[in-house]
Amino acid sequence: MNTEISPTMTAASYVAADANEFAARDAATKLRNLLRRNSRFSIVTGTVGLVAGAWSANLLGTDEVAVVRVIAGALLLFAAFVFTVAGGGINTLYQRSGLISLGDFGWVVGTIPAVAMGWFSTRGAVILIAIALVVLGFGLAQVRSRRHLADALAKSDPRFGGER
């Protein structure tokens, strides 16, 4: 039986797959979908910040339009990385999804001093905290999904300690 877990399943491979391999494919699909949602959220917020930097800065209650645009541009680069990982092979997905979660947690941690320093209006602080909570949700869900993937791979794939 083929031990390579591909992102797509043909009818023949579906029939030939054992329960452990199917669980690994299912876990990989769930993690990919989470990463795609994270990427879309980052694309939307990054695009708004980059294209409408002055409007975004005004909404947040800061005069730092250039900083808003730089962060937005970095967010678009992050989104491209997340999208690439979501579409990559199983090794890429497993190894790099942890880095994405670390990036998400870094965003949340970075939001705390930015708000605490009073760099933004009250409305801006509320918006940034709301965004940080969404990002925290992505990070936590990805960690949980990655753990499920690791457990499934350990049972199905010899490269990850499976019995095949």
N, C-alpha and C. Protein backbone atom coordinates (compact mmCIF):
# COMPACT_ATOMS: atom_id res chain seq x y z
N MET A 1 0.85 -1.18 0.00
CA MET A 1 0.00 0.00 0.00
C MET A 1 0.89 1.25 0.00
N ASN A 2 0.48 2.24 -0.69
CA ASN A 2 1.24 3.48 -0.81
C ASN A 2 1.26 4.22 0.53
N THR A 3 2.47 4.61 0.99
CA THR A 3 2.57 5.32 2.27
C THR A 3 2.61 6.83 2.10
N GLU A 4 2.63 7.30 0.86
CA GLU A 4 2.63 8.74 0.61
C GLU A 4 1.20 9.27 0.78
N ILE A 5 1.05 10.28 1.60
CA ILE A 5 -0.26 10.87 1.83
C ILE A 5 -0.36 12.11 0.96
N SER A 6 -1.19 12.04 -0.06
CA SER A 6 -1.34 13.18 -0.96
C SER A 6 -2.50 14.05 -0.52
N PRO A 7 -2.50 15.32 -0.95
CA PRO A 7 -3.58 16.20 -0.55
C PRO A 7 -4.91 15.86 -1.23
N THR A 8 -4.88 15.06 -2.29
CA THR A 8 -6.11 14.68 -2.97
C THR A 8 -6.25 13.18 -2.93
N MET A 9 -7.49 12.72 -2.98
CA MET A 9 -7.76 11.29 -2.93
C MET A 9 -8.53 10.88 -4.17
N THR A 10 -8.00 9.90 -4.91
CA THR A 10 -8.76 9.34 -6.02
C THR A 10 -9.70 8.29 -5.44
N ALA A 11 -10.64 7.85 -6.25
CA ALA A 11 -11.57 6.82 -5.78
C ALA A 11 -10.82 5.55 -5.41
N ALA A 12 -9.82 5.18 -6.21
CA ALA A 12 -9.06 3.96 -5.93
C ALA A 12 -8.26 4.10 -4.63
N SER A 13 -7.65 5.26 -4.42
CA SER A 13 -6.86 5.42 -3.19
C SER A 13 -7.77 5.52 -1.97
N TYR A 14 -8.99 6.02 -2.16
CA TYR A 14 -9.95 6.08 -1.05
C TYR A 14 -10.32 4.67 -0.61
N VAL A 15 -10.59 3.81 -1.58
CA VAL A 15 -10.96 2.43 -1.27
C VAL A 15 -9.80 1.69 -0.63
N ALA A 16 -8.56 1.96 -1.11
CA ALA A 16 -7.39 1.24 -0.61
C ALA A 16 -6.88 1.79 0.73
N ALA A 17 -7.31 2.96 1.12
CA ALA A 17 -6.80 3.59 2.35
C ALA A 17 -7.34 2.89 3.59
N ASP A 18 -6.46 2.73 4.56
CA ASP A 18 -6.94 2.18 5.83
C ASP A 18 -7.43 3.34 6.70
N ALA A 19 -7.99 3.01 7.83
CA ALA A 19 -8.59 4.03 8.70
C ALA A 19 -7.57 5.06 9.16
N ASN A 20 -6.34 4.63 9.45
CA ASN A 20 -5.31 5.56 9.91
C ASN A 20 -4.90 6.54 8.83
N GLU A 21 -4.76 6.02 7.61
CA GLU A 21 -4.39 6.91 6.50
C GLU A 21 -5.52 7.90 6.22
N PHE A 22 -6.75 7.43 6.28
CA PHE A 22 -7.89 8.32 6.07
C PHE A 22 -7.93 9.40 7.16
N ALA A 23 -7.65 9.02 8.41
CA ALA A 23 -7.63 9.99 9.51
C ALA A 23 -6.55 11.04 9.28
N ALA A 24 -5.40 10.60 8.77
CA ALA A 24 -4.31 11.55 8.49
C ALA A 24 -4.70 12.52 7.38
N ARG A 25 -5.33 11.99 6.35
CA ARG A 25 -5.77 12.87 5.25
C ARG A 25 -6.82 13.86 5.73
N ASP A 26 -7.74 13.38 6.56
CA ASP A 26 -8.78 14.24 7.11
C ASP A 26 -8.17 15.34 7.99
N ALA A 27 -7.21 14.96 8.84
CA ALA A 27 -6.55 15.94 9.71
C ALA A 27 -5.78 16.97 8.88
N ALA A 28 -5.11 16.51 7.82
CA ALA A 28 -4.37 17.44 6.95
C ALA A 28 -5.33 18.41 6.26
N THR A 29 -6.47 17.91 5.81
CA THR A 29 -7.46 18.77 5.16
C THR A 29 -7.98 19.83 6.12
N LYS A 30 -8.26 19.44 7.35
CA LYS A 30 -8.75 20.41 8.34
C LYS A 30 -7.70 21.48 8.61
N LEU A 31 -6.43 21.09 8.75
CA LEU A 31 -5.37 22.07 8.99
C LEU A 31 -5.21 22.98 7.77
N ARG A 32 -5.26 22.41 6.58
CA ARG A 32 -5.16 23.24 5.36
C ARG A 32 -6.28 24.28 5.32
N ASN A 33 -7.50 23.86 5.65
CA ASN A 33 -8.63 24.78 5.62
C ASN A 33 -8.47 25.91 6.64
N LEU A 34 -7.97 25.58 7.83
CA LEU A 34 -7.70 26.62 8.84
C LEU A 34 -6.67 27.61 8.32
N LEU A 35 -5.61 27.09 7.72
CA LEU A 35 -4.55 27.96 7.20
C LEU A 35 -5.08 28.84 6.07
N ARG A 36 -5.95 28.30 5.24
CA ARG A 36 -6.52 29.11 4.16
C ARG A 36 -7.40 30.23 4.72
N ARG A 37 -8.14 29.94 5.77
CA ARG A 37 -8.95 31.01 6.41
C ARG A 37 -8.04 32.08 7.00
N ASN A 38 -6.96 31.65 7.65
CA ASN A 38 -5.99 32.58 8.22
C ASN A 38 -5.41 33.44 7.10
N SER A 39 -5.06 32.83 6.00
CA SER A 39 -4.49 33.56 4.87
C SER A 39 -5.49 34.58 4.32
N ARG A 40 -6.74 34.17 4.16
CA ARG A 40 -7.75 35.11 3.65
C ARG A 40 -7.94 36.30 4.59
N PHE A 41 -7.99 36.03 5.88
CA PHE A 41 -8.14 37.12 6.86
C PHE A 41 -6.95 38.07 6.76
N SER A 42 -5.75 37.51 6.64
CA SER A 42 -4.55 38.34 6.52
C SER A 42 -4.53 39.12 5.22
N ILE A 43 -5.00 38.52 4.14
CA ILE A 43 -5.07 39.22 2.85
C ILE A 43 -6.03 40.40 2.93
N VAL A 44 -7.19 40.18 3.52
CA VAL A 44 -8.18 41.26 3.62
C VAL A 44 -7.65 42.40 4.48
N THR A 45 -7.17 42.09 5.69
CA THR A 45 -6.71 43.16 6.57
C THR A 45 -5.45 43.82 6.03
N GLY A 46 -4.56 43.04 5.43
CA GLY A 46 -3.35 43.62 4.84
C GLY A 46 -3.66 44.52 3.66
N THR A 47 -4.58 44.10 2.82
CA THR A 47 -4.95 44.90 1.65
C THR A 47 -5.60 46.21 2.07
N VAL A 48 -6.49 46.14 3.03
CA VAL A 48 -7.14 47.38 3.51
C VAL A 48 -6.09 48.33 4.06
N GLY A 49 -5.17 47.81 4.87
CA GLY A 49 -4.13 48.66 5.45
C GLY A 49 -3.19 49.25 4.41
N LEU A 50 -2.90 48.48 3.37
CA LEU A 50 -1.97 48.95 2.34
C LEU A 50 -2.64 49.93 1.37
N VAL A 51 -3.82 49.57 0.89
CA VAL A 51 -4.52 50.40 -0.11
C VAL A 51 -5.14 51.64 0.53
N ALA A 52 -5.69 51.46 1.72
CA ALA A 52 -6.36 52.58 2.40
C ALA A 52 -5.63 52.89 3.70
N GLY A 53 -4.33 53.14 3.58
CA GLY A 53 -3.50 53.37 4.77
C GLY A 53 -3.94 54.57 5.59
N ALA A 54 -4.27 55.66 4.93
CA ALA A 54 -4.68 56.86 5.67
C ALA A 54 -6.01 56.62 6.37
N TRP A 55 -6.95 55.98 5.67
CA TRP A 55 -8.25 55.66 6.27
C TRP A 55 -8.06 54.72 7.46
N SER A 56 -7.22 53.69 7.29
CA SER A 56 -6.96 52.72 8.37
C SER A 56 -6.33 53.40 9.57
N ALA A 57 -5.33 54.26 9.31
CA ALA A 57 -4.67 54.97 10.41
C ALA A 57 -5.67 55.85 11.15
N ASN A 58 -6.53 56.54 10.40
CA ASN A 58 -7.55 57.38 11.01
C ASN A 58 -8.51 56.54 11.85
N LEU A 59 -8.92 55.38 11.32
CA LEU A 59 -9.83 54.49 12.04
C LEU A 59 -9.20 54.02 13.36
N LEU A 60 -7.91 53.77 13.33
CA LEU A 60 -7.20 53.31 14.52
C LEU A 60 -6.82 54.45 15.47
N GLY A 61 -6.93 55.67 14.98
CA GLY A 61 -6.62 56.82 15.83
C GLY A 61 -5.13 57.10 15.95
N THR A 62 -4.43 56.92 14.83
CA THR A 62 -2.99 57.21 14.81
C THR A 62 -2.66 58.03 13.56
N ASP A 63 -1.57 58.75 13.61
CA ASP A 63 -1.12 59.53 12.46
C ASP A 63 -0.06 58.79 11.66
N GLU A 64 0.29 57.61 12.07
CA GLU A 64 1.40 56.85 11.48
C GLU A 64 0.96 56.03 10.26
N VAL A 65 0.62 56.72 9.16
CA VAL A 65 0.15 56.05 7.95
C VAL A 65 1.24 55.14 7.38
N ALA A 66 2.47 55.59 7.37
CA ALA A 66 3.58 54.78 6.82
C ALA A 66 3.75 53.49 7.61
N VAL A 67 3.64 53.56 8.93
CA VAL A 67 3.77 52.36 9.77
C VAL A 67 2.62 51.40 9.48
N VAL A 68 1.42 51.93 9.34
CA VAL A 68 0.26 51.09 9.02
C VAL A 68 0.50 50.37 7.69
N ARG A 69 1.02 51.08 6.71
CA ARG A 69 1.26 50.47 5.39
C ARG A 69 2.39 49.44 5.44
N VAL A 70 3.43 49.69 6.20
CA VAL A 70 4.52 48.71 6.32
C VAL A 70 4.02 47.44 6.99
N ILE A 71 3.26 47.58 8.05
CA ILE A 71 2.70 46.40 8.74
C ILE A 71 1.73 45.67 7.81
N ALA A 72 0.94 46.40 7.07
CA ALA A 72 0.00 45.78 6.13
C ALA A 72 0.75 45.00 5.04
N GLY A 73 1.84 45.58 4.54
CA GLY A 73 2.65 44.88 3.55
C GLY A 73 3.25 43.60 4.11
N ALA A 74 3.75 43.68 5.33
CA ALA A 74 4.29 42.48 5.98
C ALA A 74 3.20 41.44 6.18
N LEU A 75 2.00 41.89 6.48
CA LEU A 75 0.87 40.98 6.66
C LEU A 75 0.54 40.26 5.35
N LEU A 76 0.66 40.97 4.23
CA LEU A 76 0.42 40.33 2.93
C LEU A 76 1.50 39.28 2.62
N LEU A 77 2.74 39.55 3.00
CA LEU A 77 3.80 38.55 2.84
C LEU A 77 3.52 37.32 3.71
N PHE A 78 3.08 37.55 4.93
CA PHE A 78 2.71 36.46 5.82
C PHE A 78 1.57 35.65 5.19
N ALA A 79 0.57 36.33 4.64
CA ALA A 79 -0.56 35.64 4.02
C ALA A 79 -0.10 34.76 2.86
N ALA A 80 0.84 35.24 2.07
CA ALA A 80 1.37 34.45 0.95
C ALA A 80 2.08 33.20 1.48
N PHE A 81 2.85 33.34 2.56
CA PHE A 81 3.53 32.19 3.16
C PHE A 81 2.51 31.18 3.68
N VAL A 82 1.48 31.67 4.37
CA VAL A 82 0.45 30.79 4.92
C VAL A 82 -0.26 30.05 3.79
N PHE A 83 -0.60 30.75 2.72
CA PHE A 83 -1.28 30.15 1.59
C PHE A 83 -0.41 29.08 0.94
N THR A 84 0.89 29.35 0.82
CA THR A 84 1.82 28.39 0.25
C THR A 84 1.91 27.13 1.11
N VAL A 85 2.01 27.31 2.40
CA VAL A 85 2.08 26.16 3.31
C VAL A 85 0.80 25.34 3.23
N ALA A 86 -0.34 26.00 3.16
CA ALA A 86 -1.63 25.29 3.10
C ALA A 86 -1.72 24.40 1.86
N GLY A 87 -1.08 24.80 0.78
CA GLY A 87 -1.13 24.03 -0.45
C GLY A 87 0.05 23.10 -0.65
N GLY A 88 0.97 23.08 0.29
CA GLY A 88 2.17 22.26 0.15
C GLY A 88 1.95 20.81 0.52
N GLY A 89 3.00 20.04 0.38
CA GLY A 89 2.97 18.62 0.74
C GLY A 89 2.82 18.42 2.24
N ILE A 90 2.64 17.19 2.62
CA ILE A 90 2.37 16.86 4.01
C ILE A 90 3.53 17.25 4.92
N ASN A 91 4.77 17.07 4.45
CA ASN A 91 5.92 17.46 5.28
C ASN A 91 5.95 18.97 5.50
N THR A 92 5.73 19.72 4.42
CA THR A 92 5.69 21.18 4.52
C THR A 92 4.57 21.61 5.44
N LEU A 93 3.41 21.03 5.27
CA LEU A 93 2.25 21.36 6.09
C LEU A 93 2.56 21.13 7.57
N TYR A 94 3.08 19.97 7.88
CA TYR A 94 3.35 19.64 9.28
C TYR A 94 4.45 20.53 9.86
N GLN A 95 5.55 20.68 9.15
CA GLN A 95 6.70 21.41 9.69
C GLN A 95 6.45 22.91 9.79
N ARG A 96 5.86 23.49 8.79
CA ARG A 96 5.76 24.96 8.76
C ARG A 96 4.49 25.51 9.39
N SER A 97 3.49 24.68 9.61
CA SER A 97 2.28 25.20 10.25
C SER A 97 2.56 25.63 11.68
N GLY A 98 3.52 25.02 12.32
CA GLY A 98 3.92 25.46 13.66
C GLY A 98 4.49 26.87 13.64
N LEU A 99 5.26 27.19 12.60
CA LEU A 99 5.82 28.54 12.47
C LEU A 99 4.70 29.58 12.29
N ILE A 100 3.69 29.19 11.56
CA ILE A 100 2.56 30.11 11.34
C ILE A 100 1.86 30.40 12.66
N SER A 101 1.64 29.36 13.46
CA SER A 101 1.01 29.58 14.76
C SER A 101 1.89 30.47 15.64
N LEU A 102 3.20 30.27 15.60
CA LEU A 102 4.10 31.15 16.36
C LEU A 102 3.96 32.60 15.88
N GLY A 103 3.85 32.79 14.57
CA GLY A 103 3.64 34.13 14.04
C GLY A 103 2.33 34.74 14.52
N ASP A 104 1.29 33.92 14.57
CA ASP A 104 0.01 34.39 15.08
C ASP A 104 0.12 34.81 16.54
N PHE A 105 0.77 33.97 17.34
CA PHE A 105 0.92 34.29 18.76
C PHE A 105 1.80 35.53 18.94
N GLY A 106 2.79 35.70 18.07
CA GLY A 106 3.62 36.91 18.11
C GLY A 106 2.81 38.16 17.83
N TRP A 107 1.86 38.05 16.90
CA TRP A 107 0.97 39.18 16.60
C TRP A 107 0.16 39.56 17.84
N VAL A 108 -0.37 38.55 18.50
CA VAL A 108 -1.18 38.79 19.70
C VAL A 108 -0.34 39.45 20.79
N VAL A 109 0.84 38.90 21.02
CA VAL A 109 1.73 39.45 22.05
C VAL A 109 2.15 40.88 21.68
N GLY A 110 2.40 41.13 20.41
CA GLY A 110 2.78 42.48 19.98
C GLY A 110 1.67 43.49 20.10
N THR A 111 0.44 43.02 20.03
CA THR A 111 -0.71 43.93 20.15
C THR A 111 -0.81 44.50 21.56
N ILE A 112 -0.45 43.71 22.54
CA ILE A 112 -0.60 44.13 23.95
C ILE A 112 0.17 45.41 24.25
N PRO A 113 1.49 45.48 23.99
CA PRO A 113 2.18 46.74 24.29
C PRO A 113 1.76 47.89 23.37
N ALA A 114 1.41 47.57 22.11
CA ALA A 114 0.97 48.64 21.20
C ALA A 114 -0.28 49.33 21.75
N VAL A 115 -1.19 48.55 22.30
CA VAL A 115 -2.41 49.13 22.88
C VAL A 115 -2.10 49.78 24.22
N ALA A 116 -1.30 49.10 25.05
CA ALA A 116 -0.98 49.61 26.39
C ALA A 116 -0.20 50.93 26.35
N MET A 117 0.59 51.14 25.31
CA MET A 117 1.38 52.37 25.20
C MET A 117 0.51 53.57 24.80
N GLY A 118 -0.75 53.32 24.47
CA GLY A 118 -1.64 54.42 24.12
C GLY A 118 -1.40 54.98 22.73
N TRP A 119 -0.85 54.18 21.83
CA TRP A 119 -0.56 54.64 20.49
C TRP A 119 -1.81 54.80 19.64
N PHE A 120 -2.94 54.29 20.12
CA PHE A 120 -4.17 54.27 19.34
C PHE A 120 -5.31 54.85 20.15
N SER A 121 -6.33 55.29 19.46
CA SER A 121 -7.54 55.77 20.15
C SER A 121 -8.23 54.58 20.81
N THR A 122 -9.25 54.89 21.59
CA THR A 122 -10.03 53.81 22.22
C THR A 122 -10.65 52.93 21.15
N ARG A 123 -11.21 53.53 20.12
CA ARG A 123 -11.78 52.75 19.02
C ARG A 123 -10.70 51.89 18.37
N GLY A 124 -9.53 52.48 18.14
CA GLY A 124 -8.42 51.73 17.54
C GLY A 124 -7.97 50.57 18.42
N ALA A 125 -7.92 50.81 19.72
CA ALA A 125 -7.53 49.75 20.65
C ALA A 125 -8.54 48.60 20.62
N VAL A 126 -9.82 48.94 20.56
CA VAL A 126 -10.86 47.91 20.50
C VAL A 126 -10.73 47.10 19.20
N ILE A 127 -10.50 47.79 18.09
CA ILE A 127 -10.33 47.10 16.80
C ILE A 127 -9.12 46.18 16.85
N LEU A 128 -8.00 46.69 17.37
CA LEU A 128 -6.79 45.87 17.43
C LEU A 128 -6.94 44.67 18.36
N ILE A 129 -7.63 44.86 19.46
CA ILE A 129 -7.88 43.73 20.38
C ILE A 129 -8.78 42.70 19.70
N ALA A 130 -9.79 43.16 18.97
CA ALA A 130 -10.67 42.23 18.25
C ALA A 130 -9.89 41.44 17.21
N ILE A 131 -9.02 42.12 16.48
CA ILE A 131 -8.18 41.42 15.49
C ILE A 131 -7.26 40.42 16.20
N ALA A 132 -6.67 40.84 17.31
CA ALA A 132 -5.79 39.93 18.06
C ALA A 132 -6.54 38.70 18.55
N LEU A 133 -7.79 38.86 18.94
CA LEU A 133 -8.58 37.70 19.38
C LEU A 133 -8.86 36.75 18.23
N VAL A 134 -9.13 37.28 17.05
CA VAL A 134 -9.33 36.43 15.87
C VAL A 134 -8.03 35.68 15.56
N VAL A 135 -6.92 36.40 15.58
CA VAL A 135 -5.62 35.78 15.30
C VAL A 135 -5.27 34.73 16.36
N LEU A 136 -5.58 35.02 17.61
CA LEU A 136 -5.36 34.04 18.68
C LEU A 136 -6.19 32.78 18.40
N GLY A 137 -7.42 32.97 17.97
CA GLY A 137 -8.27 31.83 17.63
C GLY A 137 -7.66 30.99 16.51
N PHE A 138 -7.13 31.65 15.47
CA PHE A 138 -6.45 30.91 14.40
C PHE A 138 -5.27 30.12 14.97
N GLY A 139 -4.44 30.79 15.75
CA GLY A 139 -3.26 30.12 16.29
C GLY A 139 -3.60 28.91 17.13
N LEU A 140 -4.56 29.05 18.02
CA LEU A 140 -4.95 27.93 18.89
C LEU A 140 -5.58 26.79 18.09
N ALA A 141 -6.44 27.13 17.15
CA ALA A 141 -7.07 26.09 16.32
C ALA A 141 -6.03 25.36 15.48
N GLN A 142 -5.04 26.09 14.97
CA GLN A 142 -3.99 25.46 14.17
C GLN A 142 -3.13 24.54 15.03
N VAL A 143 -2.81 24.93 16.24
CA VAL A 143 -2.03 24.07 17.13
C VAL A 143 -2.80 22.78 17.40
N ARG A 144 -4.07 22.90 17.70
CA ARG A 144 -4.89 21.71 17.97
C ARG A 144 -4.97 20.83 16.73
N SER A 145 -5.20 21.43 15.57
CA SER A 145 -5.31 20.68 14.33
C SER A 145 -3.97 20.02 13.97
N ARG A 146 -2.88 20.73 14.19
CA ARG A 146 -1.55 20.16 13.92
C ARG A 146 -1.28 18.97 14.83
N ARG A 147 -1.73 19.05 16.08
CA ARG A 147 -1.57 17.93 17.01
C ARG A 147 -2.35 16.72 16.52
N HIS A 148 -3.57 16.95 16.03
CA HIS A 148 -4.37 15.84 15.47
C HIS A 148 -3.67 15.23 14.26
N LEU A 149 -3.08 16.08 13.43
CA LEU A 149 -2.35 15.59 12.27
C LEU A 149 -1.15 14.75 12.72
N ALA A 150 -0.42 15.23 13.71
CA ALA A 150 0.74 14.48 14.21
C ALA A 150 0.31 13.12 14.75
N ASP A 151 -0.77 13.08 15.49
CA ASP A 151 -1.27 11.81 16.03
C ASP A 151 -1.66 10.86 14.91
N ALA A 152 -2.35 11.37 13.91
CA ALA A 152 -2.78 10.52 12.79
C ALA A 152 -1.59 10.05 11.97
N LEU A 153 -0.62 10.92 11.75
CA LEU A 153 0.56 10.53 10.99
C LEU A 153 1.38 9.48 11.74
N ALA A 154 1.43 9.60 13.04
CA ALA A 154 2.19 8.63 13.84
C ALA A 154 1.60 7.22 13.69
N LYS A 155 0.32 7.13 13.38
CA LYS A 155 -0.33 5.83 13.23
C LYS A 155 -0.31 5.32 11.79
N SER A 156 -0.09 6.22 10.82
CA SER A 156 -0.29 5.82 9.42
C SER A 156 0.95 5.88 8.55
N ASP A 157 1.94 6.63 8.92
CA ASP A 157 3.06 6.89 8.02
C ASP A 157 4.38 6.53 8.69
N PRO A 158 5.16 5.61 8.11
CA PRO A 158 6.41 5.21 8.73
C PRO A 158 7.41 6.36 8.91
N ARG A 159 7.31 7.38 8.07
CA ARG A 159 8.22 8.52 8.20
C ARG A 159 7.95 9.28 9.49
N PHE A 160 6.76 9.11 10.05
CA PHE A 160 6.38 9.78 11.28
C PHE A 160 6.19 8.79 12.43
N GLY A 161 6.73 7.59 12.30
CA GLY A 161 6.66 6.60 13.38
C GLY A 161 5.53 5.61 13.23
N GLY A 162 4.87 5.60 12.07
CA GLY A 162 3.75 4.67 11.86
C GLY A 162 4.22 3.24 11.67
N GLU A 163 3.27 2.33 11.70
CA GLU A 163 3.58 0.90 11.68
C GLU A 163 3.61 0.29 10.30
N ARG A 164 3.34 1.00 9.28
CA ARG A 164 3.23 0.41 7.95
C ARG A 164 4.43 -0.35 7.51
